[in-house]
Amino acid sequence: MPELHELRTHQFSHLGRENKFIGEFYLRGEIKISSEMEGKIFAENPDTHITIDPYGSFSGEVKCVDIEILGNFSGKLHARGKVVLQSSATVNGEIHCENIIIYPGAQVNMEGSTF
């Protein structure tokens, strides 16, 4: 088990299952979304990584560096780094990123570009 002082130095957020969040979110560090979210996420710090797990869903706009989607995403996604769509992902909307990986089985209906 990590020591308490070690936990204080980590930047992470876990938005748990069976919750719903609506609004604008400014996030940093490791982010795990297991809940239902609507709105805007701004997570553009280089040390930030977002994961939408198989139970999570997001509807709205995301501006980030890296993101991995295993759950549901609907909206606009702008990633300065890598977007990974796992086989369990369902994605509808726009994706603009530097790199994208789409695994077999992912359900993707998108317009997008890489730069």
C-alpha atoms as a PDB file:
ATOM      1  CA  MET A   1       0.000   0.000   0.000  1.00  0.00           C
ATOM      2  CA  PRO A   2       1.424   3.416  -0.925  1.00  0.00           C
ATOM      3  CA  GLU A   3       2.387   5.722   1.898  1.00  0.00           C
ATOM      4  CA  LEU A   4       0.154   8.754   2.460  1.00  0.00           C
ATOM      5  CA  HIS A   5       2.926  11.182   1.512  1.00  0.00           C
ATOM      6  CA  GLU A   6       3.352   9.325  -1.817  1.00  0.00           C
ATOM      7  CA  LEU A   7      -0.349   9.715  -2.612  1.00  0.00           C
ATOM      8  CA  ARG A   8      -0.149  13.456  -1.991  1.00  0.00           C
ATOM      9  CA  THR A   9       2.393  13.857  -4.790  1.00  0.00           C
ATOM     10  CA  HIS A  10       0.298  12.057  -7.427  1.00  0.00           C
ATOM     11  CA  GLN A  11      -2.145  13.912  -9.600  1.00  0.00           C
ATOM     12  CA  PHE A  12      -5.084  11.721 -10.503  1.00  0.00           C
ATOM     13  CA  SER A  13      -8.856  11.834 -10.665  1.00  0.00           C
ATOM     14  CA  HIS A  14     -11.290   8.944 -10.838  1.00  0.00           C
ATOM     15  CA  LEU A  15     -14.864   9.873 -11.648  1.00  0.00           C
ATOM     16  CA  GLY A  16     -16.680   6.743 -10.488  1.00  0.00           C
ATOM     17  CA  ARG A  17     -19.574   4.698 -11.794  1.00  0.00           C
ATOM     18  CA  GLU A  18     -23.217   5.564 -11.270  1.00  0.00           C
ATOM     19  CA  ASN A  19     -22.466   9.315 -11.207  1.00  0.00           C
ATOM     20  CA  LYS A  20     -23.316  12.057 -13.685  1.00  0.00           C
ATOM     21  CA  PHE A  21     -21.263  15.222 -14.133  1.00  0.00           C
ATOM     22  CA  ILE A  22     -22.344  18.196 -16.262  1.00  0.00           C
ATOM     23  CA  GLY A  23     -20.276  21.318 -16.904  1.00  0.00           C
ATOM     24  CA  GLU A  24     -16.764  22.546 -17.732  1.00  0.00           C
ATOM     25  CA  PHE A  25     -13.870  20.576 -16.282  1.00  0.00           C
ATOM     26  CA  TYR A  26     -10.228  21.659 -16.076  1.00  0.00           C
ATOM     27  CA  LEU A  27      -8.265  18.498 -15.314  1.00  0.00           C
ATOM     28  CA  ARG A  28      -4.637  17.520 -14.824  1.00  0.00           C
ATOM     29  CA  GLY A  29      -2.772  14.253 -14.240  1.00  0.00           C
ATOM     30  CA  GLU A  30      -4.161  10.768 -14.764  1.00  0.00           C
ATOM     31  CA  ILE A  31      -7.925  10.931 -15.361  1.00  0.00           C
ATOM     32  CA  LYS A  32     -10.184   7.869 -15.349  1.00  0.00           C
ATOM     33  CA  ILE A  33     -13.813   8.382 -16.326  1.00  0.00           C
ATOM     34  CA  SER A  34     -16.176   5.597 -15.254  1.00  0.00           C
ATOM     35  CA  SER A  35     -19.203   7.873 -15.035  1.00  0.00           C
ATOM     36  CA  GLU A  36     -21.522   9.720 -17.388  1.00  0.00           C
ATOM     37  CA  MET A  37     -20.237  13.190 -18.317  1.00  0.00           C
ATOM     38  CA  GLU A  38     -21.563  16.053 -20.441  1.00  0.00           C
ATOM     39  CA  GLY A  39     -19.937  19.366 -21.279  1.00  0.00           C
ATOM     40  CA  LYS A  40     -16.330  20.366 -21.893  1.00  0.00           C
ATOM     41  CA  ILE A  41     -13.053  18.912 -20.665  1.00  0.00           C
ATOM     42  CA  PHE A  42      -9.843  20.931 -20.839  1.00  0.00           C
ATOM     43  CA  ALA A  43      -6.837  18.722 -20.025  1.00  0.00           C
ATOM     44  CA  GLU A  44      -4.008  20.147 -22.086  1.00  0.00           C
ATOM     45  CA  ASN A  45      -1.076  19.803 -19.686  1.00  0.00           C
ATOM     46  CA  PRO A  46       1.619  17.469 -21.103  1.00  0.00           C
ATOM     47  CA  ASP A  47       1.423  15.140 -18.069  1.00  0.00           C
ATOM     48  CA  THR A  48      -2.311  14.572 -18.524  1.00  0.00           C
ATOM     49  CA  HIS A  49      -3.811  11.345 -19.858  1.00  0.00           C
ATOM     50  CA  ILE A  50      -7.556  10.646 -20.025  1.00  0.00           C
ATOM     51  CA  THR A  51      -9.123   7.180 -20.045  1.00  0.00           C
ATOM     52  CA  ILE A  52     -12.839   6.671 -20.641  1.00  0.00           C
ATOM     53  CA  ASP A  53     -13.321   3.151 -19.336  1.00  0.00           C
ATOM     54  CA  PRO A  54     -15.929   0.638 -20.629  1.00  0.00           C
ATOM     55  CA  TYR A  55     -18.509   1.944 -18.107  1.00  0.00           C
ATOM     56  CA  GLY A  56     -17.832   5.598 -18.892  1.00  0.00           C
ATOM     57  CA  SER A  57     -19.432   7.920 -21.390  1.00  0.00           C
ATOM     58  CA  PHE A  58     -18.756  11.485 -22.468  1.00  0.00           C
ATOM     59  CA  SER A  59     -20.834  13.845 -24.596  1.00  0.00           C
ATOM     60  CA  GLY A  60     -19.445  17.255 -25.544  1.00  0.00           C
ATOM     61  CA  GLU A  61     -15.998  18.641 -26.337  1.00  0.00           C
ATOM     62  CA  VAL A  62     -12.574  17.489 -25.138  1.00  0.00           C
ATOM     63  CA  LYS A  63      -9.266  19.305 -25.566  1.00  0.00           C
ATOM     64  CA  CYS A  64      -6.400  17.136 -24.343  1.00  0.00           C
ATOM     65  CA  VAL A  65      -2.997  15.652 -25.063  1.00  0.00           C
ATOM     66  CA  ASP A  66      -3.629  11.869 -24.982  1.00  0.00           C
ATOM     67  CA  ILE A  67      -6.874   9.939 -24.572  1.00  0.00           C
ATOM     68  CA  GLU A  68      -7.842   6.275 -24.587  1.00  0.00           C
ATOM     69  CA  ILE A  69     -11.496   5.389 -25.134  1.00  0.00           C
ATOM     70  CA  LEU A  70     -12.953   2.040 -24.092  1.00  0.00           C
ATOM     71  CA  GLY A  71     -16.493   3.348 -23.471  1.00  0.00           C
ATOM     72  CA  ASN A  72     -18.717   5.854 -25.283  1.00  0.00           C
ATOM     73  CA  PHE A  73     -17.731   9.218 -26.742  1.00  0.00           C
ATOM     74  CA  SER A  74     -19.948  11.627 -28.637  1.00  0.00           C
ATOM     75  CA  GLY A  75     -18.828  15.100 -29.698  1.00  0.00           C
ATOM     76  CA  LYS A  76     -15.634  16.906 -30.668  1.00  0.00           C
ATOM     77  CA  LEU A  77     -12.193  15.688 -29.656  1.00  0.00           C
ATOM     78  CA  HIS A  78      -8.987  17.703 -30.127  1.00  0.00           C
ATOM     79  CA  ALA A  79      -5.862  15.827 -28.992  1.00  0.00           C
ATOM     80  CA  ARG A  80      -2.325  17.178 -29.385  1.00  0.00           C
ATOM     81  CA  GLY A  81      -1.024  13.644 -28.930  1.00  0.00           C
ATOM     82  CA  LYS A  82      -2.457  10.163 -29.356  1.00  0.00           C
ATOM     83  CA  VAL A  83      -6.049   8.920 -29.501  1.00  0.00           C
ATOM     84  CA  VAL A  84      -6.577   5.197 -28.879  1.00  0.00           C
ATOM     85  CA  LEU A  85      -9.970   3.653 -29.634  1.00  0.00           C
ATOM     86  CA  GLN A  86     -10.104   0.201 -28.045  1.00  0.00           C
ATOM     87  CA  SER A  87     -12.310  -2.595 -29.388  1.00  0.00           C
ATOM     88  CA  SER A  88     -15.067  -1.807 -26.852  1.00  0.00           C
ATOM     89  CA  ALA A  89     -15.252   1.901 -27.852  1.00  0.00           C
ATOM     90  CA  THR A  90     -18.258   3.555 -29.478  1.00  0.00           C
ATOM     91  CA  VAL A  91     -17.403   6.938 -30.994  1.00  0.00           C
ATOM     92  CA  ASN A  92     -19.602   9.458 -32.829  1.00  0.00           C
ATOM     93  CA  GLY A  93     -18.369  12.902 -33.865  1.00  0.00           C
ATOM     94  CA  GLU A  94     -15.165  14.693 -34.820  1.00  0.00           C
ATOM     95  CA  ILE A  95     -11.612  13.729 -33.949  1.00  0.00           C
ATOM     96  CA  HIS A  96      -8.586  15.906 -34.682  1.00  0.00           C
ATOM     97  CA  CYS A  97      -5.280  14.573 -33.364  1.00  0.00           C
ATOM     98  CA  GLU A  98      -1.621  13.918 -34.044  1.00  0.00           C
ATOM     99  CA  ASN A  99      -1.957  10.093 -34.011  1.00  0.00           C
ATOM    100  CA  ILE A 100      -4.908   7.738 -33.898  1.00  0.00           C
ATOM    101  CA  ILE A 101      -5.091   3.998 -33.276  1.00  0.00           C
ATOM    102  CA  ILE A 102      -8.376   2.182 -33.921  1.00  0.00           C
ATOM    103  CA  TYR A 103      -8.569  -1.431 -32.770  1.00  0.00           C
ATOM    104  CA  PRO A 104     -10.792  -3.982 -34.537  1.00  0.00           C
ATOM    105  CA  GLY A 105     -14.266  -4.042 -33.043  1.00  0.00           C
ATOM    106  CA  ALA A 106     -14.443  -0.332 -32.213  1.00  0.00           C
ATOM    107  CA  GLN A 107     -17.650   1.244 -33.501  1.00  0.00           C
ATOM    108  CA  VAL A 108     -16.597   4.523 -35.093  1.00  0.00           C
ATOM    109  CA  ASN A 109     -18.699   7.097 -36.933  1.00  0.00           C
ATOM    110  CA  MET A 110     -16.437  10.124 -37.249  1.00  0.00           C
ATOM    111  CA  GLU A 111     -15.032  12.916 -39.328  1.00  0.00           C
ATOM    112  CA  GLY A 112     -11.511  13.873 -38.557  1.00  0.00           C
ATOM    113  CA  SER A 113      -7.960  14.719 -39.377  1.00  0.00           C
ATOM    114  CA  THR A 114      -4.430  14.122 -38.192  1.00  0.00           C
ATOM    115  CA  PHE A 115      -1.745  16.772 -38.115  1.00  0.00           C
END
